[in-house]
């Protein structure tokens, strides 16, 4: 059954990111009125486990990549 995304808040997502086991995640979901199977929770945790940024992505997120959209150049020094 699809999850009702209108019930998912930033706070719930933050708490979910700290769950270490599928059982913890299922309990959190239940406490917040969301139906989540153990299999769905395991899939979510596996997805989070594989979520890792490489150094190029980290540079972009951290603002380390300079991008110039000016027509006449930007004057960045390399």
PDB file of N, CA and C in Angstrom:
ATOM      1  N   UNK A   1       0.847  -1.177   0.000  1.00  0.00           N
ATOM      2  CA  UNK A   1       0.000   0.000   0.000  1.00  0.00           C
ATOM      3  C   UNK A   1       0.894   1.241   0.000  1.00  0.00           C
ATOM      4  N   UNK A   2       0.601   2.228  -0.850  1.00  0.00           N
ATOM      5  CA  UNK A   2       1.426   3.437  -0.898  1.00  0.00           C
ATOM      6  C   UNK A   2       1.315   4.244   0.399  1.00  0.00           C
ATOM      7  N   UNK A   3       2.395   4.915   0.730  1.00  0.00           N
ATOM      8  CA  UNK A   3       2.425   5.739   1.940  1.00  0.00           C
ATOM      9  C   UNK A   3       1.755   7.081   1.653  1.00  0.00           C
ATOM     10  N   UNK A   4       0.921   7.542   2.584  1.00  0.00           N
ATOM     11  CA  UNK A   4       0.283   8.849   2.466  1.00  0.00           C
ATOM     12  C   UNK A   4       1.329   9.909   2.806  1.00  0.00           C
ATOM     13  N   UNK A   5       1.904  10.505   1.781  1.00  0.00           N
ATOM     14  CA  UNK A   5       3.011  11.450   1.973  1.00  0.00           C
ATOM     15  C   UNK A   5       2.595  12.713   2.713  1.00  0.00           C
ATOM     16  N   UNK A   6       1.298  12.988   2.767  1.00  0.00           N
ATOM     17  CA  UNK A   6       0.847  14.176   3.490  1.00  0.00           C
ATOM     18  C   UNK A   6       1.051  14.033   4.998  1.00  0.00           C
ATOM     19  N   UNK A   7       1.238  12.786   5.469  1.00  0.00           N
ATOM     20  CA  UNK A   7       1.465  12.541   6.900  1.00  0.00           C
ATOM     21  C   UNK A   7       2.943  12.635   7.280  1.00  0.00           C
ATOM     22  N   UNK A   8       3.825  12.699   6.283  1.00  0.00           N
ATOM     23  CA  UNK A   8       5.259  12.709   6.546  1.00  0.00           C
ATOM     24  C   UNK A   8       5.737  14.150   6.697  1.00  0.00           C
ATOM     25  N   UNK A   9       6.259  14.466   7.856  1.00  0.00           N
ATOM     26  CA  UNK A   9       6.771  15.807   8.129  1.00  0.00           C
ATOM     27  C   UNK A   9       8.295  15.781   8.174  1.00  0.00           C
ATOM     28  N   UNK A  10       8.897  16.959   8.208  1.00  0.00           N
ATOM     29  CA  UNK A  10      10.357  17.056   8.345  1.00  0.00           C
ATOM     30  C   UNK A  10      10.821  16.377   9.627  1.00  0.00           C
ATOM     31  N   UNK A  11      10.054  16.554  10.677  1.00  0.00           N
ATOM     32  CA  UNK A  11      10.416  15.966  11.965  1.00  0.00           C
ATOM     33  C   UNK A  11      10.423  14.444  11.896  1.00  0.00           C
ATOM     34  N   UNK A  12       9.419  13.882  11.224  1.00  0.00           N
ATOM     35  CA  UNK A  12       9.360  12.426  11.088  1.00  0.00           C
ATOM     36  C   UNK A  12      10.534  11.934  10.251  1.00  0.00           C
ATOM     37  N   UNK A  13      10.852  12.639   9.169  1.00  0.00           N
ATOM     38  CA  UNK A  13      11.993  12.242   8.336  1.00  0.00           C
ATOM     39  C   UNK A  13      13.294  12.303   9.126  1.00  0.00           C
ATOM     40  N   UNK A  14      13.432  13.320   9.952  1.00  0.00           N
ATOM     41  CA  UNK A  14      14.645  13.447  10.784  1.00  0.00           C
ATOM     42  C   UNK A  14      14.741  12.266  11.742  1.00  0.00           C
ATOM     43  N   UNK A  15      13.637  11.942  12.401  1.00  0.00           N
ATOM     44  CA  UNK A  15      13.638  10.799  13.317  1.00  0.00           C
ATOM     45  C   UNK A  15      13.903   9.496  12.565  1.00  0.00           C
ATOM     46  N   UNK A  16      13.321   9.370  11.377  1.00  0.00           N
ATOM     47  CA  UNK A  16      13.499   8.155  10.577  1.00  0.00           C
ATOM     48  C   UNK A  16      14.959   7.966  10.191  1.00  0.00           C
ATOM     49  N   UNK A  17      15.659   9.058   9.950  1.00  0.00           N
ATOM     50  CA  UNK A  17      17.064   8.947   9.552  1.00  0.00           C
ATOM     51  C   UNK A  17      17.945   8.414  10.679  1.00  0.00           C
ATOM     52  N   UNK A  18      17.435   8.444  11.912  1.00  0.00           N
ATOM     53  CA  UNK A  18      18.197   7.938  13.057  1.00  0.00           C
ATOM     54  C   UNK A  18      17.842   6.498  13.418  1.00  0.00           C
ATOM     55  N   UNK A  19      16.846   5.937  12.751  1.00  0.00           N
ATOM     56  CA  UNK A  19      16.472   4.545  13.012  1.00  0.00           C
ATOM     57  C   UNK A  19      17.560   3.620  12.488  1.00  0.00           C
ATOM     58  N   UNK A  20      17.949   2.674  13.315  1.00  0.00           N
ATOM     59  CA  UNK A  20      19.007   1.730  12.943  1.00  0.00           C
ATOM     60  C   UNK A  20      18.452   0.386  12.469  1.00  0.00           C
ATOM     61  N   UNK A  21      17.211   0.084  12.837  1.00  0.00           N
ATOM     62  CA  UNK A  21      16.620  -1.196  12.452  1.00  0.00           C
ATOM     63  C   UNK A  21      15.255  -0.961  11.803  1.00  0.00           C
ATOM     64  N   UNK A  22      14.840  -1.968  11.044  1.00  0.00           N
ATOM     65  CA  UNK A  22      13.521  -1.902  10.408  1.00  0.00           C
ATOM     66  C   UNK A  22      12.421  -1.842  11.464  1.00  0.00           C
ATOM     67  N   UNK A  23      12.604  -2.573  12.562  1.00  0.00           N
ATOM     68  CA  UNK A  23      11.592  -2.555  13.627  1.00  0.00           C
ATOM     69  C   UNK A  23      11.438  -1.166  14.235  1.00  0.00           C
ATOM     70  N   UNK A  24      12.537  -0.453  14.415  1.00  0.00           N
ATOM     71  CA  UNK A  24      12.469   0.921  14.932  1.00  0.00           C
ATOM     72  C   UNK A  24      11.705   1.818  13.960  1.00  0.00           C
ATOM     73  N   UNK A  25      11.981   1.648  12.673  1.00  0.00           N
ATOM     74  CA  UNK A  25      11.326   2.472  11.658  1.00  0.00           C
ATOM     75  C   UNK A  25       9.832   2.158  11.571  1.00  0.00           C
ATOM     76  N   UNK A  26       9.468   0.890  11.646  1.00  0.00           N
ATOM     77  CA  UNK A  26       8.057   0.496  11.627  1.00  0.00           C
ATOM     78  C   UNK A  26       7.339   1.086  12.840  1.00  0.00           C
ATOM     79  N   UNK A  27       7.977   1.030  14.007  1.00  0.00           N
ATOM     80  CA  UNK A  27       7.366   1.587  15.224  1.00  0.00           C
ATOM     81  C   UNK A  27       7.183   3.098  15.098  1.00  0.00           C
ATOM     82  N   UNK A  28       8.177   3.787  14.565  1.00  0.00           N
ATOM     83  CA  UNK A  28       8.074   5.239  14.365  1.00  0.00           C
ATOM     84  C   UNK A  28       6.913   5.549  13.422  1.00  0.00           C
ATOM     85  N   UNK A  29       6.836   4.807  12.346  1.00  0.00           N
ATOM     86  CA  UNK A  29       5.744   5.025  11.389  1.00  0.00           C
ATOM     87  C   UNK A  29       4.386   4.820  12.064  1.00  0.00           C
ATOM     88  N   UNK A  30       4.266   3.733  12.798  1.00  0.00           N
ATOM     89  CA  UNK A  30       3.006   3.430  13.476  1.00  0.00           C
ATOM     90  C   UNK A  30       2.626   4.532  14.458  1.00  0.00           C
ATOM     91  N   UNK A  31       3.608   5.024  15.215  1.00  0.00           N
ATOM     92  CA  UNK A  31       3.354   6.096  16.182  1.00  0.00           C
ATOM     93  C   UNK A  31       2.858   7.370  15.512  1.00  0.00           C
ATOM     94  N   UNK A  32       3.150   7.508  14.215  1.00  0.00           N
ATOM     95  CA  UNK A  32       2.766   8.716  13.487  1.00  0.00           C
ATOM     96  C   UNK A  32       1.654   8.467  12.473  1.00  0.00           C
ATOM     97  N   UNK A  33       0.950   7.334  12.632  1.00  0.00           N
ATOM     98  CA  UNK A  33      -0.212   7.053  11.801  1.00  0.00           C
ATOM     99  C   UNK A  33       0.099   6.622  10.384  1.00  0.00           C
ATOM    100  N   UNK A  34       1.308   6.115  10.174  1.00  0.00           N
ATOM    101  CA  UNK A  34       1.715   5.664   8.837  1.00  0.00           C
ATOM    102  C   UNK A  34       1.871   4.149   8.860  1.00  0.00           C
ATOM    103  N   UNK A  35       1.288   3.485   7.885  1.00  0.00           N
ATOM    104  CA  UNK A  35       1.425   2.037   7.774  1.00  0.00           C
ATOM    105  C   UNK A  35       2.659   1.733   6.947  1.00  0.00           C
ATOM    106  N   UNK A  36       3.582   0.978   7.541  1.00  0.00           N
ATOM    107  CA  UNK A  36       4.834   0.634   6.884  1.00  0.00           C
ATOM    108  C   UNK A  36       5.151  -0.814   7.221  1.00  0.00           C
ATOM    109  N   UNK A  37       5.370  -1.622   6.201  1.00  0.00           N
ATOM    110  CA  UNK A  37       5.703  -3.017   6.460  1.00  0.00           C
ATOM    111  C   UNK A  37       7.189  -3.129   6.799  1.00  0.00           C
ATOM    112  N   UNK A  38       7.549  -4.247   7.401  1.00  0.00           N
ATOM    113  CA  UNK A  38       8.952  -4.472   7.730  1.00  0.00           C
ATOM    114  C   UNK A  38       9.795  -4.513   6.461  1.00  0.00           C
ATOM    115  N   UNK A  39       9.256  -5.101   5.394  1.00  0.00           N
ATOM    116  CA  UNK A  39       9.978  -5.175   4.122  1.00  0.00           C
ATOM    117  C   UNK A  39      10.223  -3.775   3.555  1.00  0.00           C
ATOM    118  N   UNK A  40       9.212  -2.901   3.641  1.00  0.00           N
ATOM    119  CA  UNK A  40       9.372  -1.525   3.162  1.00  0.00           C
ATOM    120  C   UNK A  40      10.420  -0.793   3.993  1.00  0.00           C
ATOM    121  N   UNK A  41      10.385  -1.011   5.303  1.00  0.00           N
ATOM    122  CA  UNK A  41      11.360  -0.375   6.188  1.00  0.00           C
ATOM    123  C   UNK A  41      12.774  -0.854   5.879  1.00  0.00           C
ATOM    124  N   UNK A  42      12.931  -2.155   5.636  1.00  0.00           N
ATOM    125  CA  UNK A  42      14.249  -2.694   5.295  1.00  0.00           C
ATOM    126  C   UNK A  42      14.752  -2.106   3.989  1.00  0.00           C
ATOM    127  N   UNK A  43      13.865  -1.938   3.016  1.00  0.00           N
ATOM    128  CA  UNK A  43      14.248  -1.354   1.726  1.00  0.00           C
ATOM    129  C   UNK A  43      14.676   0.103   1.908  1.00  0.00           C
ATOM    130  N   UNK A  44      13.951   0.840   2.732  1.00  0.00           N
ATOM    131  CA  UNK A  44      14.286   2.240   3.009  1.00  0.00           C
ATOM    132  C   UNK A  44      15.657   2.335   3.674  1.00  0.00           C
ATOM    133  N   UNK A  45      15.897   1.504   4.670  1.00  0.00           N
ATOM    134  CA  UNK A  45      17.185   1.529   5.369  1.00  0.00           C
ATOM    135  C   UNK A  45      18.332   1.132   4.446  1.00  0.00           C
ATOM    136  N   UNK A  46      18.091   0.173   3.563  1.00  0.00           N
ATOM    137  CA  UNK A  46      19.125  -0.234   2.604  1.00  0.00           C
ATOM    138  C   UNK A  46      19.442   0.910   1.644  1.00  0.00           C
ATOM    139  N   UNK A  47      18.419   1.642   1.254  1.00  0.00           N
ATOM    140  CA  UNK A  47      18.612   2.788   0.362  1.00  0.00           C
ATOM    141  C   UNK A  47      19.437   3.872   1.062  1.00  0.00           C
ATOM    142  N   UNK A  48      19.139   4.125   2.322  1.00  0.00           N
ATOM    143  CA  UNK A  48      19.908   5.124   3.076  1.00  0.00           C
ATOM    144  C   UNK A  48      21.359   4.693   3.263  1.00  0.00           C
ATOM    145  N   UNK A  49      21.553   3.402   3.475  1.00  0.00           N
ATOM    146  CA  UNK A  49      22.890   2.875   3.688  1.00  0.00           C
ATOM    147  C   UNK A  49      23.761   3.076   2.449  1.00  0.00           C
ATOM    148  N   UNK A  50      23.155   3.010   1.282  1.00  0.00           N
ATOM    149  CA  UNK A  50      23.891   3.140   0.034  1.00  0.00           C
ATOM    150  C   UNK A  50      24.003   4.589  -0.435  1.00  0.00           C
ATOM    151  N   UNK A  51      23.423   5.496   0.314  1.00  0.00           N
ATOM    152  CA  UNK A  51      23.432   6.900  -0.068  1.00  0.00           C
ATOM    153  C   UNK A  51      24.694   7.557   0.459  1.00  0.00           C
ATOM    154  N   UNK A  52      25.647   7.731  -0.422  1.00  0.00           N
ATOM    155  CA  UNK A  52      26.899   8.354  -0.037  1.00  0.00           C
ATOM    156  C   UNK A  52      27.358   9.214  -1.199  1.00  0.00           C
ATOM    157  N   UNK A  53      27.750  10.427  -0.909  1.00  0.00           N
ATOM    158  CA  UNK A  53      28.197  11.339  -1.952  1.00  0.00           C
ATOM    159  C   UNK A  53      29.686  11.164  -2.208  1.00  0.00           C
ATOM    160  N   UNK A  54      30.057  11.217  -3.490  1.00  0.00           N
ATOM    161  CA  UNK A  54      31.484  11.195  -3.791  1.00  0.00           C
ATOM    162  C   UNK A  54      32.036  12.607  -3.627  1.00  0.00           C
ATOM    163  N   UNK A  55      33.334  12.771  -3.748  1.00  0.00           N
ATOM    164  CA  UNK A  55      33.951  14.068  -3.474  1.00  0.00           C
ATOM    165  C   UNK A  55      33.458  15.153  -4.425  1.00  0.00           C
ATOM    166  N   UNK A  56      33.181  14.816  -5.676  1.00  0.00           N
ATOM    167  CA  UNK A  56      32.672  15.812  -6.625  1.00  0.00           C
ATOM    168  C   UNK A  56      31.292  16.307  -6.196  1.00  0.00           C
ATOM    169  N   UNK A  57      30.428  15.375  -5.758  1.00  0.00           N
ATOM    170  CA  UNK A  57      29.101  15.773  -5.286  1.00  0.00           C
ATOM    171  C   UNK A  57      29.203  16.597  -4.013  1.00  0.00           C
ATOM    172  N   UNK A  58      30.124  16.219  -3.122  1.00  0.00           N
ATOM    173  CA  UNK A  58      30.310  16.979  -1.887  1.00  0.00           C
ATOM    174  C   UNK A  58      30.758  18.407  -2.184  1.00  0.00           C
ATOM    175  N   UNK A  59      31.644  18.581  -3.156  1.00  0.00           N
ATOM    176  CA  UNK A  59      32.089  19.921  -3.536  1.00  0.00           C
ATOM    177  C   UNK A  59      30.928  20.766  -4.023  1.00  0.00           C
ATOM    178  N   UNK A  60      30.050  20.163  -4.804  1.00  0.00           N
ATOM    179  CA  UNK A  60      28.891  20.898  -5.318  1.00  0.00           C
ATOM    180  C   UNK A  60      27.961  21.312  -4.184  1.00  0.00           C
ATOM    181  N   UNK A  61      27.719  20.382  -3.265  1.00  0.00           N
ATOM    182  CA  UNK A  61      26.820  20.658  -2.143  1.00  0.00           C
ATOM    183  C   UNK A  61      27.417  21.709  -1.218  1.00  0.00           C
ATOM    184  N   UNK A  62      28.714  21.635  -1.027  1.00  0.00           N
ATOM    185  CA  UNK A  62      29.398  22.549  -0.119  1.00  0.00           C
ATOM    186  C   UNK A  62      29.686  23.902  -0.760  1.00  0.00           C
ATOM    187  N   UNK A  63      29.318  24.052  -2.016  1.00  0.00           N
ATOM    188  CA  UNK A  63      29.553  25.326  -2.693  1.00  0.00           C
ATOM    189  C   UNK A  63      30.947  25.431  -3.270  1.00  0.00           C
ATOM    190  N   UNK A  64      31.627  24.320  -3.436  1.00  0.00           N
ATOM    191  CA  UNK A  64      32.994  24.337  -3.935  1.00  0.00           C
ATOM    192  C   UNK A  64      33.099  24.458  -5.437  1.00  0.00           C
ATOM    193  N   UNK A  65      32.006  24.377  -6.154  1.00  0.00           N
ATOM    194  CA  UNK A  65      32.044  24.480  -7.607  1.00  0.00           C
ATOM    195  C   UNK A  65      31.576  25.856  -8.016  1.00  0.00           C
ATOM    196  N   UNK A  66      32.410  26.517  -8.773  1.00  0.00           N
ATOM    197  CA  UNK A  66      32.041  27.852  -9.261  1.00  0.00           C
ATOM    198  C   UNK A  66      31.444  27.721 -10.650  1.00  0.00           C
ATOM    199  N   UNK A  67      30.304  28.331 -10.825  1.00  0.00           N
ATOM    200  CA  UNK A  67      29.628  28.303 -12.109  1.00  0.00           C
ATOM    201  C   UNK A  67      29.355  29.736 -12.519  1.00  0.00           C
ATOM    202  N   UNK A  68      29.697  30.045 -13.747  1.00  0.00           N
ATOM    203  CA  UNK A  68      29.486  31.395 -14.265  1.00  0.00           C
ATOM    204  C   UNK A  68      28.429  31.367 -15.357  1.00  0.00           C
ATOM    205  N   UNK A  69      27.421  32.182 -15.211  1.00  0.00           N
ATOM    206  CA  UNK A  69      26.383  32.262 -16.220  1.00  0.00           C
ATOM    207  C   UNK A  69      26.438  33.568 -16.997  1.00  0.00           C
ATOM    208  N   UNK A  70      27.430  34.390 -16.726  1.00  0.00           N
ATOM    209  CA  UNK A  70      27.554  35.685 -17.400  1.00  0.00           C
ATOM    210  C   UNK A  70      27.996  35.484 -18.843  1.00  0.00           C
ATOM    211  N   UNK A  71      27.465  36.315 -19.742  1.00  0.00           N
ATOM    212  CA  UNK A  71      27.787  36.224 -21.162  1.00  0.00           C
ATOM    213  C   UNK A  71      29.237  36.650 -21.417  1.00  0.00           C
ATOM    214  N   UNK A  72      29.697  37.642 -20.666  1.00  0.00           N
ATOM    215  CA  UNK A  72      31.027  38.201 -20.934  1.00  0.00           C
ATOM    216  C   UNK A  72      32.117  37.650 -20.012  1.00  0.00           C
ATOM    217  N   UNK A  73      31.873  36.574 -19.326  1.00  0.00           N
ATOM    218  CA  UNK A  73      32.876  35.982 -18.449  1.00  0.00           C
ATOM    219  C   UNK A  73      32.690  36.412 -17.011  1.00  0.00           C
ATOM    220  N   UNK A  74      33.388  35.742 -16.113  1.00  0.00           N
ATOM    221  CA  UNK A  74      33.166  35.991 -14.692  1.00  0.00           C
ATOM    222  C   UNK A  74      34.405  36.484 -13.943  1.00  0.00           C
ATOM    223  N   UNK A  75      35.547  36.208 -14.409  1.00  0.00           N
ATOM    224  CA  UNK A  75      36.736  36.645 -13.699  1.00  0.00           C
ATOM    225  C   UNK A  75      37.152  35.738 -12.564  1.00  0.00           C
ATOM    226  N   UNK A  76      36.710  34.483 -12.575  1.00  0.00           N
ATOM    227  CA  UNK A  76      37.190  33.527 -11.583  1.00  0.00           C
ATOM    228  C   UNK A  76      38.660  33.260 -11.845  1.00  0.00           C
ATOM    229  N   UNK A  77      39.406  33.134 -10.796  1.00  0.00           N
ATOM    230  CA  UNK A  77      40.805  32.707 -10.930  1.00  0.00           C
ATOM    231  C   UNK A  77      40.878  31.246 -10.563  1.00  0.00           C
ATOM    232  N   UNK A  78      41.490  30.472 -11.429  1.00  0.00           N
ATOM    233  CA  UNK A  78      41.565  29.026 -11.194  1.00  0.00           C
ATOM    234  C   UNK A  78      42.634  28.666 -10.231  1.00  0.00           C
TER     235      UNK A  78
END
